Amino acid sequence: MPLYMDVHEKLPEGAGPADVAEAHKADLATQGAYGVQYLQYWVDEANGKAFCLVDAPDPDAAIAVHREAHGLVADRIYPVVEGI
């Protein structure tokens, strides 16, 4: 399946790494229904951003997981290729 990196440009006010960790857990609990696998996430706390690496059949499936799991849909999603 293709890999995607999604970008959350503005986390909710006051949200930090612990909140993103909880959202990631919700993604993991939801992803199977969509044939998606959320692999890793990163938080830029200083700028209020988060980034998620996801293995998904298409961007819509990745978005559907976020929407159902916690409602925090990414602002952008990019197809990416893993480097060595």
N, C-alpha and C. Protein backbone atom coordinates (compact mmCIF):
# COMPACT_ATOMS: atom_id res chain seq x y z
N MET A 1 0.85 -1.19 0.00
CA MET A 1 0.00 0.00 0.00
C MET A 1 0.88 1.24 0.00
N PRO A 2 0.34 2.31 -0.49
CA PRO A 2 1.09 3.57 -0.47
C PRO A 2 1.26 4.14 0.94
N LEU A 3 2.31 4.89 1.11
CA LEU A 3 2.55 5.62 2.36
C LEU A 3 2.14 7.07 2.17
N TYR A 4 1.61 7.66 3.23
CA TYR A 4 1.23 9.06 3.24
C TYR A 4 1.72 9.72 4.52
N MET A 5 2.06 10.99 4.41
CA MET A 5 2.37 11.81 5.59
C MET A 5 1.27 12.85 5.66
N ASP A 6 0.56 12.85 6.78
CA ASP A 6 -0.44 13.90 6.93
C ASP A 6 0.07 14.96 7.88
N VAL A 7 -0.43 16.17 7.68
CA VAL A 7 0.03 17.33 8.44
C VAL A 7 -1.17 18.00 9.08
N HIS A 8 -1.09 18.13 10.39
CA HIS A 8 -2.09 18.88 11.15
C HIS A 8 -1.45 20.23 11.47
N GLU A 9 -1.86 21.26 10.76
CA GLU A 9 -1.23 22.58 10.85
C GLU A 9 -1.48 23.30 12.17
N LYS A 10 -2.59 23.01 12.82
CA LYS A 10 -2.93 23.73 14.05
C LYS A 10 -3.66 22.77 14.99
N LEU A 11 -2.95 22.30 16.00
CA LEU A 11 -3.59 21.46 17.02
C LEU A 11 -4.56 22.31 17.84
N PRO A 12 -5.55 21.67 18.44
CA PRO A 12 -6.46 22.43 19.30
C PRO A 12 -5.70 23.17 20.40
N GLU A 13 -6.21 24.31 20.80
CA GLU A 13 -5.58 25.12 21.85
C GLU A 13 -5.28 24.26 23.07
N GLY A 14 -4.05 24.32 23.54
CA GLY A 14 -3.63 23.60 24.73
C GLY A 14 -3.26 22.15 24.51
N ALA A 15 -3.43 21.62 23.30
CA ALA A 15 -3.09 20.23 23.01
C ALA A 15 -1.57 20.07 22.95
N GLY A 16 -1.09 18.97 23.47
CA GLY A 16 0.34 18.69 23.47
C GLY A 16 0.62 17.24 23.12
N PRO A 17 1.83 16.79 23.34
CA PRO A 17 2.21 15.43 22.99
C PRO A 17 1.33 14.34 23.61
N ALA A 18 0.91 14.51 24.84
CA ALA A 18 0.06 13.50 25.48
C ALA A 18 -1.29 13.40 24.78
N ASP A 19 -1.82 14.53 24.34
CA ASP A 19 -3.10 14.53 23.62
C ASP A 19 -2.96 13.85 22.25
N VAL A 20 -1.86 14.10 21.59
CA VAL A 20 -1.62 13.48 20.28
C VAL A 20 -1.42 11.97 20.47
N ALA A 21 -0.77 11.57 21.55
CA ALA A 21 -0.61 10.14 21.85
C ALA A 21 -1.97 9.47 22.02
N GLU A 22 -2.88 10.12 22.70
CA GLU A 22 -4.24 9.58 22.87
C GLU A 22 -4.98 9.50 21.55
N ALA A 23 -4.83 10.50 20.72
CA ALA A 23 -5.46 10.48 19.40
C ALA A 23 -4.88 9.33 18.55
N HIS A 24 -3.56 9.12 18.66
CA HIS A 24 -2.92 8.03 17.93
C HIS A 24 -3.48 6.68 18.39
N LYS A 25 -3.66 6.51 19.69
CA LYS A 25 -4.25 5.27 20.21
C LYS A 25 -5.65 5.05 19.63
N ALA A 26 -6.42 6.13 19.51
CA ALA A 26 -7.75 6.03 18.92
C ALA A 26 -7.66 5.64 17.44
N ASP A 27 -6.66 6.17 16.73
CA ASP A 27 -6.44 5.78 15.33
C ASP A 27 -6.17 4.29 15.24
N LEU A 28 -5.30 3.79 16.11
CA LEU A 28 -4.94 2.37 16.10
C LEU A 28 -6.15 1.49 16.35
N ALA A 29 -7.05 1.94 17.20
CA ALA A 29 -8.26 1.17 17.51
C ALA A 29 -9.27 1.19 16.36
N THR A 30 -9.17 2.16 15.49
CA THR A 30 -10.15 2.37 14.41
C THR A 30 -9.64 1.89 13.06
N GLN A 31 -8.34 1.90 12.84
CA GLN A 31 -7.75 1.73 11.52
C GLN A 31 -8.12 0.43 10.79
N GLY A 32 -8.31 -0.64 11.50
CA GLY A 32 -8.58 -1.93 10.87
C GLY A 32 -9.83 -1.92 10.00
N ALA A 33 -10.82 -1.16 10.39
CA ALA A 33 -12.07 -1.10 9.63
C ALA A 33 -11.88 -0.46 8.26
N TYR A 34 -10.77 0.25 8.07
CA TYR A 34 -10.52 0.98 6.83
C TYR A 34 -9.32 0.44 6.05
N GLY A 35 -8.72 -0.65 6.52
CA GLY A 35 -7.56 -1.19 5.84
C GLY A 35 -6.36 -0.27 5.89
N VAL A 36 -6.23 0.45 7.01
CA VAL A 36 -5.19 1.48 7.19
C VAL A 36 -4.29 1.07 8.34
N GLN A 37 -3.03 1.50 8.30
CA GLN A 37 -2.14 1.28 9.42
C GLN A 37 -1.38 2.58 9.71
N TYR A 38 -1.72 3.22 10.82
CA TYR A 38 -0.96 4.40 11.26
C TYR A 38 0.33 3.90 11.88
N LEU A 39 1.47 4.34 11.35
CA LEU A 39 2.77 3.80 11.71
C LEU A 39 3.53 4.60 12.75
N GLN A 40 3.49 5.91 12.63
CA GLN A 40 4.32 6.78 13.48
C GLN A 40 3.72 8.16 13.47
N TYR A 41 4.02 8.93 14.50
CA TYR A 41 3.58 10.33 14.51
C TYR A 41 4.66 11.17 15.18
N TRP A 42 4.63 12.44 14.88
CA TRP A 42 5.56 13.40 15.45
C TRP A 42 4.78 14.64 15.85
N VAL A 43 5.24 15.31 16.89
CA VAL A 43 4.59 16.53 17.37
C VAL A 43 5.61 17.66 17.38
N ASP A 44 5.24 18.78 16.81
CA ASP A 44 6.01 20.02 16.89
C ASP A 44 5.24 20.90 17.88
N GLU A 45 5.53 20.69 19.15
CA GLU A 45 4.76 21.37 20.20
C GLU A 45 4.90 22.89 20.13
N ALA A 46 6.09 23.37 19.81
CA ALA A 46 6.33 24.81 19.77
C ALA A 46 5.46 25.51 18.72
N ASN A 47 5.16 24.80 17.63
CA ASN A 47 4.37 25.40 16.56
C ASN A 47 2.95 24.83 16.47
N GLY A 48 2.60 23.95 17.41
CA GLY A 48 1.24 23.40 17.44
C GLY A 48 0.88 22.54 16.26
N LYS A 49 1.86 21.75 15.76
CA LYS A 49 1.63 20.91 14.59
C LYS A 49 1.85 19.44 14.94
N ALA A 50 1.25 18.57 14.15
CA ALA A 50 1.49 17.13 14.27
C ALA A 50 1.57 16.54 12.87
N PHE A 51 2.31 15.44 12.77
CA PHE A 51 2.55 14.77 11.51
C PHE A 51 2.35 13.27 11.73
N CYS A 52 1.65 12.62 10.81
CA CYS A 52 1.36 11.20 10.95
C CYS A 52 1.78 10.46 9.69
N LEU A 53 2.50 9.36 9.87
CA LEU A 53 2.87 8.49 8.75
C LEU A 53 1.87 7.34 8.73
N VAL A 54 1.27 7.12 7.57
CA VAL A 54 0.20 6.14 7.47
C VAL A 54 0.33 5.31 6.20
N ASP A 55 0.11 4.03 6.35
CA ASP A 55 0.04 3.10 5.23
C ASP A 55 -1.44 2.92 4.94
N ALA A 56 -1.88 3.36 3.77
CA ALA A 56 -3.32 3.37 3.48
C ALA A 56 -3.56 3.11 2.00
N PRO A 57 -4.72 2.54 1.67
CA PRO A 57 -5.01 2.32 0.25
C PRO A 57 -5.15 3.62 -0.54
N ASP A 58 -5.59 4.69 0.15
CA ASP A 58 -5.72 6.00 -0.49
C ASP A 58 -5.89 7.06 0.61
N PRO A 59 -5.73 8.32 0.27
CA PRO A 59 -5.85 9.38 1.29
C PRO A 59 -7.21 9.40 1.98
N ASP A 60 -8.27 9.09 1.24
CA ASP A 60 -9.60 9.13 1.84
C ASP A 60 -9.74 8.15 3.00
N ALA A 61 -9.14 6.97 2.87
CA ALA A 61 -9.20 5.99 3.95
C ALA A 61 -8.46 6.50 5.19
N ALA A 62 -7.31 7.13 4.99
CA ALA A 62 -6.56 7.68 6.12
C ALA A 62 -7.36 8.78 6.81
N ILE A 63 -7.99 9.62 6.02
CA ILE A 63 -8.81 10.71 6.57
C ILE A 63 -9.99 10.15 7.34
N ALA A 64 -10.61 9.10 6.82
CA ALA A 64 -11.77 8.50 7.48
C ALA A 64 -11.42 7.98 8.87
N VAL A 65 -10.23 7.41 9.02
CA VAL A 65 -9.81 6.92 10.34
C VAL A 65 -9.72 8.08 11.32
N HIS A 66 -9.03 9.14 10.95
CA HIS A 66 -8.93 10.31 11.85
C HIS A 66 -10.31 10.86 12.19
N ARG A 67 -11.16 10.97 11.18
CA ARG A 67 -12.50 11.55 11.41
C ARG A 67 -13.28 10.71 12.42
N GLU A 68 -13.27 9.40 12.24
CA GLU A 68 -14.03 8.53 13.15
C GLU A 68 -13.37 8.43 14.52
N ALA A 69 -12.04 8.33 14.56
CA ALA A 69 -11.34 8.08 15.81
C ALA A 69 -11.39 9.26 16.77
N HIS A 70 -11.23 10.49 16.24
CA HIS A 70 -11.15 11.65 17.14
C HIS A 70 -11.58 12.96 16.50
N GLY A 71 -11.85 12.96 15.22
CA GLY A 71 -12.34 14.17 14.56
C GLY A 71 -11.27 15.16 14.14
N LEU A 72 -10.01 14.88 14.42
CA LEU A 72 -8.92 15.81 14.06
C LEU A 72 -8.36 15.44 12.69
N VAL A 73 -9.04 15.87 11.66
CA VAL A 73 -8.65 15.56 10.29
C VAL A 73 -7.46 16.43 9.88
N ALA A 74 -6.52 15.83 9.20
CA ALA A 74 -5.32 16.55 8.76
C ALA A 74 -5.66 17.65 7.76
N ASP A 75 -4.86 18.69 7.78
CA ASP A 75 -5.02 19.80 6.83
C ASP A 75 -4.47 19.44 5.45
N ARG A 76 -3.42 18.61 5.45
CA ARG A 76 -2.79 18.19 4.20
C ARG A 76 -2.37 16.74 4.32
N ILE A 77 -2.34 16.05 3.21
CA ILE A 77 -1.84 14.68 3.18
C ILE A 77 -1.03 14.51 1.89
N TYR A 78 0.19 14.00 2.05
CA TYR A 78 1.12 13.87 0.93
C TYR A 78 1.51 12.41 0.72
N PRO A 79 1.56 11.94 -0.52
CA PRO A 79 2.14 10.63 -0.76
C PRO A 79 3.65 10.73 -0.55
N VAL A 80 4.23 9.74 0.11
CA VAL A 80 5.67 9.75 0.38
C VAL A 80 6.25 8.37 0.07
N VAL A 81 7.55 8.35 -0.14
CA VAL A 81 8.28 7.11 -0.36
C VAL A 81 9.35 7.02 0.72
N GLU A 82 9.46 5.85 1.34
CA GLU A 82 10.44 5.66 2.40
C GLU A 82 11.84 5.70 1.84
N GLY A 83 12.71 6.43 2.49
CA GLY A 83 14.11 6.47 2.09
C GLY A 83 14.92 5.40 2.81
N ILE A 84 16.17 5.30 2.44
CA ILE A 84 17.02 4.29 3.08
C ILE A 84 17.98 4.94 4.06
